[in-house]
Amino acid sequence: AEVSLVFQRPGGKLLTMTKAFYPEGVFRLPTGGIELGESVSEALEREIWEETGLEAAVKRYLAHLTYQHNEGRLFHSHVFLLE
């Protein structure tokens, strides 16, 4: 499972990021895995700092997406709106 971070910047724009291993020109929302034994809220707090180094306020829980990942396993994404 993961948390997905939707940062709404002043003016309404969203914060996206890229990493060295992404294909050139690819940007996406910051995300991070939920560690074994960690709650969604604990992962959210940790990943905000690890992925961005920013302090953020949670505005709203946007979605819980579940889909089949590799080998048919279910994968969960918890999406939060932050500012």
PDB file of N, CA and C in Angstrom:
ATOM      1  N   ALA A   1       0.843  -1.180   0.000  1.00  0.00           N
ATOM      2  CA  ALA A   1       0.000   0.000   0.000  1.00  0.00           C
ATOM      3  C   ALA A   1       0.888   1.243   0.000  1.00  0.00           C
ATOM      4  N   GLU A   2       0.274   2.363  -0.371  1.00  0.00           N
ATOM      5  CA  GLU A   2       1.011   3.616  -0.427  1.00  0.00           C
ATOM      6  C   GLU A   2       0.105   4.766  -0.032  1.00  0.00           C
ATOM      7  N   VAL A   3       0.743   5.907   0.261  1.00  0.00           N
ATOM      8  CA  VAL A   3       0.042   7.166   0.390  1.00  0.00           C
ATOM      9  C   VAL A   3       0.447   8.020  -0.800  1.00  0.00           C
ATOM     10  N   SER A   4      -0.523   8.738  -1.340  1.00  0.00           N
ATOM     11  CA  SER A   4      -0.288   9.635  -2.464  1.00  0.00           C
ATOM     12  C   SER A   4      -0.568  11.049  -1.980  1.00  0.00           C
ATOM     13  N   LEU A   5       0.375  11.950  -2.245  1.00  0.00           N
ATOM     14  CA  LEU A   5       0.341  13.293  -1.687  1.00  0.00           C
ATOM     15  C   LEU A   5      -0.026  14.306  -2.765  1.00  0.00           C
ATOM     16  N   VAL A   6      -1.194  14.901  -2.639  1.00  0.00           N
ATOM     17  CA  VAL A   6      -1.647  15.923  -3.579  1.00  0.00           C
ATOM     18  C   VAL A   6      -1.496  17.269  -2.868  1.00  0.00           C
ATOM     19  N   PHE A   7      -0.383  17.958  -3.145  1.00  0.00           N
ATOM     20  CA  PHE A   7      -0.115  19.257  -2.532  1.00  0.00           C
ATOM     21  C   PHE A   7      -0.707  20.348  -3.402  1.00  0.00           C
ATOM     22  N   GLN A   8      -1.653  21.088  -2.843  1.00  0.00           N
ATOM     23  CA  GLN A   8      -2.206  22.232  -3.556  1.00  0.00           C
ATOM     24  C   GLN A   8      -1.413  23.467  -3.148  1.00  0.00           C
ATOM     25  N   ARG A   9      -0.739  24.056  -4.129  1.00  0.00           N
ATOM     26  CA  ARG A   9       0.102  25.218  -3.896  1.00  0.00           C
ATOM     27  C   ARG A   9      -0.747  26.492  -3.960  1.00  0.00           C
ATOM     28  N   PRO A  10      -0.226  27.597  -3.442  1.00  0.00           N
ATOM     29  CA  PRO A  10      -0.944  28.866  -3.618  1.00  0.00           C
ATOM     30  C   PRO A  10      -1.229  29.085  -5.107  1.00  0.00           C
ATOM     31  N   GLY A  11      -2.407  29.522  -5.409  1.00  0.00           N
ATOM     32  CA  GLY A  11      -2.791  29.712  -6.802  1.00  0.00           C
ATOM     33  C   GLY A  11      -3.420  28.481  -7.420  1.00  0.00           C
ATOM     34  N   GLY A  12      -3.487  27.368  -6.650  1.00  0.00           N
ATOM     35  CA  GLY A  12      -4.186  26.185  -7.126  1.00  0.00           C
ATOM     36  C   GLY A  12      -3.349  25.152  -7.853  1.00  0.00           C
ATOM     37  N   LYS A  13      -2.091  25.450  -8.165  1.00  0.00           N
ATOM     38  CA  LYS A  13      -1.255  24.470  -8.865  1.00  0.00           C
ATOM     39  C   LYS A  13      -0.908  23.311  -7.938  1.00  0.00           C
ATOM     40  N   LEU A  14      -0.627  22.159  -8.535  1.00  0.00           N
ATOM     41  CA  LEU A  14      -0.259  20.967  -7.768  1.00  0.00           C
ATOM     42  C   LEU A  14       1.237  20.742  -7.830  1.00  0.00           C
ATOM     43  N   LEU A  15       1.801  20.260  -6.729  1.00  0.00           N
ATOM     44  CA  LEU A  15       3.221  19.937  -6.660  1.00  0.00           C
ATOM     45  C   LEU A  15       3.447  18.563  -7.279  1.00  0.00           C
ATOM     46  N   THR A  16       4.347  18.482  -8.242  1.00  0.00           N
ATOM     47  CA  THR A  16       4.756  17.204  -8.824  1.00  0.00           C
ATOM     48  C   THR A  16       6.256  17.068  -8.664  1.00  0.00           C
ATOM     49  N   MET A  17       6.758  15.869  -8.894  1.00  0.00           N
ATOM     50  CA  MET A  17       8.189  15.636  -8.740  1.00  0.00           C
ATOM     51  C   MET A  17       8.678  14.641  -9.778  1.00  0.00           C
ATOM     52  N   THR A  18       9.962  14.581  -9.911  1.00  0.00           N
ATOM     53  CA  THR A  18      10.585  13.584 -10.769  1.00  0.00           C
ATOM     54  C   THR A  18      11.742  12.969  -9.997  1.00  0.00           C
ATOM     55  N   LYS A  19      12.184  11.820 -10.422  1.00  0.00           N
ATOM     56  CA  LYS A  19      13.332  11.141  -9.806  1.00  0.00           C
ATOM     57  C   LYS A  19      14.277  10.701 -10.913  1.00  0.00           C
ATOM     58  N   ALA A  20      15.505  10.453 -10.552  1.00  0.00           N
ATOM     59  CA  ALA A  20      16.535  10.113 -11.538  1.00  0.00           C
ATOM     60  C   ALA A  20      16.167   8.884 -12.366  1.00  0.00           C
ATOM     61  N   PHE A  21      15.448   7.927 -11.791  1.00  0.00           N
ATOM     62  CA  PHE A  21      15.136   6.700 -12.524  1.00  0.00           C
ATOM     63  C   PHE A  21      13.847   6.801 -13.346  1.00  0.00           C
ATOM     64  N   TYR A  22      13.128   7.936 -13.272  1.00  0.00           N
ATOM     65  CA  TYR A  22      11.948   8.141 -14.119  1.00  0.00           C
ATOM     66  C   TYR A  22      12.412   8.438 -15.543  1.00  0.00           C
ATOM     67  N   PRO A  23      11.631   8.065 -16.531  1.00  0.00           N
ATOM     68  CA  PRO A  23      11.958   8.475 -17.900  1.00  0.00           C
ATOM     69  C   PRO A  23      12.002  10.007 -17.985  1.00  0.00           C
ATOM     70  N   GLU A  24      12.823  10.522 -18.877  1.00  0.00           N
ATOM     71  CA  GLU A  24      12.958  11.969 -19.031  1.00  0.00           C
ATOM     72  C   GLU A  24      11.597  12.606 -19.311  1.00  0.00           C
ATOM     73  N   GLY A  25      11.332  13.703 -18.622  1.00  0.00           N
ATOM     74  CA  GLY A  25      10.092  14.434 -18.820  1.00  0.00           C
ATOM     75  C   GLY A  25       8.901  13.916 -18.031  1.00  0.00           C
ATOM     76  N   VAL A  26       9.093  12.858 -17.234  1.00  0.00           N
ATOM     77  CA  VAL A  26       7.992  12.297 -16.447  1.00  0.00           C
ATOM     78  C   VAL A  26       7.988  12.931 -15.058  1.00  0.00           C
ATOM     79  N   PHE A  27       6.846  13.470 -14.698  1.00  0.00           N
ATOM     80  CA  PHE A  27       6.618  14.034 -13.374  1.00  0.00           C
ATOM     81  C   PHE A  27       5.363  13.380 -12.816  1.00  0.00           C
ATOM     82  N   ARG A  28       5.325  13.198 -11.507  1.00  0.00           N
ATOM     83  CA  ARG A  28       4.147  12.585 -10.890  1.00  0.00           C
ATOM     84  C   ARG A  28       3.960  13.120  -9.483  1.00  0.00           C
ATOM     85  N   LEU A  29       2.822  12.792  -8.903  1.00  0.00           N
ATOM     86  CA  LEU A  29       2.562  13.181  -7.528  1.00  0.00           C
ATOM     87  C   LEU A  29       3.519  12.442  -6.609  1.00  0.00           C
ATOM     88  N   PRO A  30       3.946  13.064  -5.514  1.00  0.00           N
ATOM     89  CA  PRO A  30       4.772  12.351  -4.549  1.00  0.00           C
ATOM     90  C   PRO A  30       3.973  11.201  -3.915  1.00  0.00           C
ATOM     91  N   THR A  31       4.600  10.062  -3.774  1.00  0.00           N
ATOM     92  CA  THR A  31       3.987   8.902  -3.137  1.00  0.00           C
ATOM     93  C   THR A  31       5.026   8.206  -2.273  1.00  0.00           C
ATOM     94  N   GLY A  32       4.556   7.342  -1.395  1.00  0.00           N
ATOM     95  CA  GLY A  32       5.468   6.554  -0.586  1.00  0.00           C
ATOM     96  C   GLY A  32       4.764   5.370   0.027  1.00  0.00           C
ATOM     97  N   GLY A  33       5.513   4.325   0.251  1.00  0.00           N
ATOM     98  CA  GLY A  33       4.957   3.087   0.761  1.00  0.00           C
ATOM     99  C   GLY A  33       4.594   3.138   2.230  1.00  0.00           C
ATOM    100  N   ILE A  34       3.603   2.344   2.580  1.00  0.00           N
ATOM    101  CA  ILE A  34       3.215   2.151   3.975  1.00  0.00           C
ATOM    102  C   ILE A  34       3.976   0.935   4.476  1.00  0.00           C
ATOM    103  N   GLU A  35       4.781   1.132   5.507  1.00  0.00           N
ATOM    104  CA  GLU A  35       5.616   0.051   6.029  1.00  0.00           C
ATOM    105  C   GLU A  35       4.797  -0.921   6.873  1.00  0.00           C
ATOM    106  N   LEU A  36       5.273  -2.137   6.973  1.00  0.00           N
ATOM    107  CA  LEU A  36       4.609  -3.175   7.756  1.00  0.00           C
ATOM    108  C   LEU A  36       4.400  -2.699   9.190  1.00  0.00           C
ATOM    109  N   GLY A  37       3.177  -2.778   9.674  1.00  0.00           N
ATOM    110  CA  GLY A  37       2.844  -2.373  11.033  1.00  0.00           C
ATOM    111  C   GLY A  37       2.600  -0.882  11.196  1.00  0.00           C
ATOM    112  N   GLU A  38       2.725  -0.118  10.136  1.00  0.00           N
ATOM    113  CA  GLU A  38       2.553   1.328  10.185  1.00  0.00           C
ATOM    114  C   GLU A  38       1.111   1.675   9.789  1.00  0.00           C
ATOM    115  N   SER A  39       0.514   2.627  10.476  1.00  0.00           N
ATOM    116  CA  SER A  39      -0.833   3.070  10.107  1.00  0.00           C
ATOM    117  C   SER A  39      -0.740   4.001   8.897  1.00  0.00           C
ATOM    118  N   VAL A  40      -1.884   4.216   8.251  1.00  0.00           N
ATOM    119  CA  VAL A  40      -1.924   5.134   7.110  1.00  0.00           C
ATOM    120  C   VAL A  40      -1.496   6.531   7.559  1.00  0.00           C
ATOM    121  N   SER A  41      -1.984   6.992   8.696  1.00  0.00           N
ATOM    122  CA  SER A  41      -1.635   8.340   9.164  1.00  0.00           C
ATOM    123  C   SER A  41      -0.149   8.454   9.508  1.00  0.00           C
ATOM    124  N   GLU A  42       0.436   7.408  10.078  1.00  0.00           N
ATOM    125  CA  GLU A  42       1.876   7.424  10.360  1.00  0.00           C
ATOM    126  C   GLU A  42       2.680   7.486   9.059  1.00  0.00           C
ATOM    127  N   ALA A  43       2.268   6.704   8.069  1.00  0.00           N
ATOM    128  CA  ALA A  43       2.946   6.717   6.773  1.00  0.00           C
ATOM    129  C   ALA A  43       2.809   8.078   6.109  1.00  0.00           C
ATOM    130  N   LEU A  44       1.631   8.663   6.202  1.00  0.00           N
ATOM    131  CA  LEU A  44       1.405   9.979   5.609  1.00  0.00           C
ATOM    132  C   LEU A  44       2.363  11.000   6.198  1.00  0.00           C
ATOM    133  N   GLU A  45       2.441  11.059   7.505  1.00  0.00           N
ATOM    134  CA  GLU A  45       3.323  12.016   8.176  1.00  0.00           C
ATOM    135  C   GLU A  45       4.780  11.791   7.772  1.00  0.00           C
ATOM    136  N   ARG A  46       5.219  10.547   7.768  1.00  0.00           N
ATOM    137  CA  ARG A  46       6.610  10.224   7.417  1.00  0.00           C
ATOM    138  C   ARG A  46       6.895  10.557   5.959  1.00  0.00           C
ATOM    139  N   GLU A  47       6.007  10.175   5.075  1.00  0.00           N
ATOM    140  CA  GLU A  47       6.243  10.373   3.646  1.00  0.00           C
ATOM    141  C   GLU A  47       6.200  11.844   3.232  1.00  0.00           C
ATOM    142  N   ILE A  48       5.370  12.644   3.884  1.00  0.00           N
ATOM    143  CA  ILE A  48       5.379  14.083   3.597  1.00  0.00           C
ATOM    144  C   ILE A  48       6.801  14.606   3.772  1.00  0.00           C
ATOM    145  N   TRP A  49       7.420  14.256   4.892  1.00  0.00           N
ATOM    146  CA  TRP A  49       8.769  14.754   5.173  1.00  0.00           C
ATOM    147  C   TRP A  49       9.807  14.105   4.250  1.00  0.00           C
ATOM    148  N   GLU A  50       9.755  12.782   4.089  1.00  0.00           N
ATOM    149  CA  GLU A  50      10.762  12.091   3.277  1.00  0.00           C
ATOM    150  C   GLU A  50      10.724  12.525   1.812  1.00  0.00           C
ATOM    151  N   GLU A  51       9.532  12.688   1.266  1.00  0.00           N
ATOM    152  CA  GLU A  51       9.404  13.006  -0.157  1.00  0.00           C
ATOM    153  C   GLU A  51       9.613  14.471  -0.472  1.00  0.00           C
ATOM    154  N   THR A  52       9.273  15.368   0.470  1.00  0.00           N
ATOM    155  CA  THR A  52       9.311  16.791   0.138  1.00  0.00           C
ATOM    156  C   THR A  52      10.117  17.649   1.103  1.00  0.00           C
ATOM    157  N   GLY A  53      10.250  17.227   2.360  1.00  0.00           N
ATOM    158  CA  GLY A  53      10.897  18.077   3.358  1.00  0.00           C
ATOM    159  C   GLY A  53      10.019  19.249   3.779  1.00  0.00           C
ATOM    160  N   LEU A  54       8.749  19.223   3.392  1.00  0.00           N
ATOM    161  CA  LEU A  54       7.830  20.316   3.694  1.00  0.00           C
ATOM    162  C   LEU A  54       6.960  19.985   4.899  1.00  0.00           C
ATOM    163  N   GLU A  55       6.475  21.037   5.561  1.00  0.00           N
ATOM    164  CA  GLU A  55       5.421  20.871   6.547  1.00  0.00           C
ATOM    165  C   GLU A  55       4.108  21.065   5.813  1.00  0.00           C
ATOM    166  N   ALA A  56       3.109  20.282   6.154  1.00  0.00           N
ATOM    167  CA  ALA A  56       1.850  20.356   5.420  1.00  0.00           C
ATOM    168  C   ALA A  56       0.676  20.120   6.349  1.00  0.00           C
ATOM    169  N   ALA A  57      -0.445  20.690   5.957  1.00  0.00           N
ATOM    170  CA  ALA A  57      -1.707  20.454   6.648  1.00  0.00           C
ATOM    171  C   ALA A  57      -2.577  19.583   5.759  1.00  0.00           C
ATOM    172  N   VAL A  58      -3.200  18.573   6.358  1.00  0.00           N
ATOM    173  CA  VAL A  58      -4.109  17.706   5.608  1.00  0.00           C
ATOM    174  C   VAL A  58      -5.448  18.423   5.481  1.00  0.00           C
ATOM    175  N   LYS A  59      -5.861  18.659   4.228  1.00  0.00           N
ATOM    176  CA  LYS A  59      -7.158  19.303   3.986  1.00  0.00           C
ATOM    177  C   LYS A  59      -8.269  18.277   3.912  1.00  0.00           C
ATOM    178  N   ARG A  60      -7.962  17.140   3.244  1.00  0.00           N
ATOM    179  CA  ARG A  60      -9.028  16.157   3.047  1.00  0.00           C
ATOM    180  C   ARG A  60      -8.456  14.826   2.577  1.00  0.00           C
ATOM    181  N   TYR A  61      -9.114  13.759   2.980  1.00  0.00           N
ATOM    182  CA  TYR A  61      -8.850  12.424   2.448  1.00  0.00           C
ATOM    183  C   TYR A  61      -9.635  12.335   1.149  1.00  0.00           C
ATOM    184  N   LEU A  62      -8.944  12.161   0.022  1.00  0.00           N
ATOM    185  CA  LEU A  62      -9.600  12.203  -1.275  1.00  0.00           C
ATOM    186  C   LEU A  62     -10.117  10.854  -1.750  1.00  0.00           C
ATOM    187  N   ALA A  63      -9.321   9.801  -1.569  1.00  0.00           N
ATOM    188  CA  ALA A  63      -9.721   8.523  -2.167  1.00  0.00           C
ATOM    189  C   ALA A  63      -8.931   7.369  -1.582  1.00  0.00           C
ATOM    190  N   HIS A  64      -9.553   6.200  -1.680  1.00  0.00           N
ATOM    191  CA  HIS A  64      -8.879   4.929  -1.419  1.00  0.00           C
ATOM    192  C   HIS A  64      -9.066   4.117  -2.686  1.00  0.00           C
ATOM    193  N   LEU A  65      -7.990   3.949  -3.426  1.00  0.00           N
ATOM    194  CA  LEU A  65      -8.025   3.207  -4.686  1.00  0.00           C
ATOM    195  C   LEU A  65      -7.458   1.816  -4.462  1.00  0.00           C
ATOM    196  N   THR A  66      -8.130   0.824  -4.981  1.00  0.00           N
ATOM    197  CA  THR A  66      -7.651  -0.549  -4.897  1.00  0.00           C
ATOM    198  C   THR A  66      -7.623  -1.125  -6.305  1.00  0.00           C
ATOM    199  N   TYR A  67      -6.502  -1.711  -6.672  1.00  0.00           N
ATOM    200  CA  TYR A  67      -6.387  -2.302  -8.002  1.00  0.00           C
ATOM    201  C   TYR A  67      -5.462  -3.503  -7.948  1.00  0.00           C
ATOM    202  N   GLN A  68      -5.532  -4.313  -8.993  1.00  0.00           N
ATOM    203  CA  GLN A  68      -4.659  -5.488  -9.057  1.00  0.00           C
ATOM    204  C   GLN A  68      -3.284  -5.072  -9.547  1.00  0.00           C
ATOM    205  N   HIS A  69      -2.295  -5.416  -8.763  1.00  0.00           N
ATOM    206  CA  HIS A  69      -0.893  -5.124  -9.051  1.00  0.00           C
ATOM    207  C   HIS A  69      -0.288  -6.349  -9.719  1.00  0.00           C
ATOM    208  N   ASN A  70       0.976  -6.355  -9.905  1.00  0.00           N
ATOM    209  CA  ASN A  70       1.669  -7.513 -10.498  1.00  0.00           C
ATOM    210  C   ASN A  70       1.227  -8.809  -9.833  1.00  0.00           C
ATOM    211  N   GLU A  71       1.112  -9.836 -10.615  1.00  0.00           N
ATOM    212  CA  GLU A  71       0.764 -11.178 -10.141  1.00  0.00           C
ATOM    213  C   GLU A  71      -0.623 -11.231  -9.502  1.00  0.00           C
ATOM    214  N   GLY A  72      -1.487 -10.262  -9.816  1.00  0.00           N
ATOM    215  CA  GLY A  72      -2.861 -10.297  -9.342  1.00  0.00           C
ATOM    216  C   GLY A  72      -3.077  -9.864  -7.906  1.00  0.00           C
ATOM    217  N   ARG A  73      -2.034  -9.416  -7.217  1.00  0.00           N
ATOM    218  CA  ARG A  73      -2.191  -8.977  -5.833  1.00  0.00           C
ATOM    219  C   ARG A  73      -2.885  -7.620  -5.782  1.00  0.00           C
ATOM    220  N   LEU A  74      -3.704  -7.421  -4.767  1.00  0.00           N
ATOM    221  CA  LEU A  74      -4.363  -6.135  -4.593  1.00  0.00           C
ATOM    222  C   LEU A  74      -3.386  -5.116  -4.027  1.00  0.00           C
ATOM    223  N   PHE A  75      -3.464  -3.882  -4.545  1.00  0.00           N
ATOM    224  CA  PHE A  75      -2.623  -2.790  -4.081  1.00  0.00           C
ATOM    225  C   PHE A  75      -3.542  -1.632  -3.703  1.00  0.00           C
ATOM    226  N   HIS A  76      -3.228  -0.961  -2.606  1.00  0.00           N
ATOM    227  CA  HIS A  76      -4.061   0.111  -2.083  1.00  0.00           C
ATOM    228  C   HIS A  76      -3.313   1.431  -2.109  1.00  0.00           C
ATOM    229  N   SER A  77      -3.967   2.469  -2.636  1.00  0.00           N
ATOM    230  CA  SER A  77      -3.429   3.830  -2.613  1.00  0.00           C
ATOM    231  C   SER A  77      -4.395   4.708  -1.819  1.00  0.00           C
ATOM    232  N   HIS A  78      -3.863   5.382  -0.808  1.00  0.00           N
ATOM    233  CA  HIS A  78      -4.637   6.321  -0.001  1.00  0.00           C
ATOM    234  C   HIS A  78      -4.200   7.717  -0.432  1.00  0.00           C
ATOM    235  N   VAL A  79      -5.146   8.499  -0.955  1.00  0.00           N
ATOM    236  CA  VAL A  79      -4.823   9.787  -1.561  1.00  0.00           C
ATOM    237  C   VAL A  79      -5.308  10.921  -0.657  1.00  0.00           C
ATOM    238  N   PHE A  80      -4.395  11.860  -0.354  1.00  0.00           N
ATOM    239  CA  PHE A  80      -4.686  12.971   0.537  1.00  0.00           C
ATOM    240  C   PHE A  80      -4.432  14.303  -0.144  1.00  0.00           C
ATOM    241  N   LEU A  81      -5.314  15.276   0.101  1.00  0.00           N
ATOM    242  CA  LEU A  81      -5.117  16.645  -0.343  1.00  0.00           C
ATOM    243  C   LEU A  81      -4.434  17.402   0.787  1.00  0.00           C
ATOM    244  N   LEU A  82      -3.318  18.015   0.482  1.00  0.00           N
ATOM    245  CA  LEU A  82      -2.507  18.716   1.480  1.00  0.00           C
ATOM    246  C   LEU A  82      -2.262  20.144   1.044  1.00  0.00           C
ATOM    247  N   GLU A  83      -1.977  20.991   2.016  1.00  0.00           N
ATOM    248  CA  GLU A  83      -1.549  22.358   1.667  1.00  0.00           C
ATOM    249  C   GLU A  83      -0.479  22.821   2.627  1.00  0.00           C
TER     250      GLU A  83
END
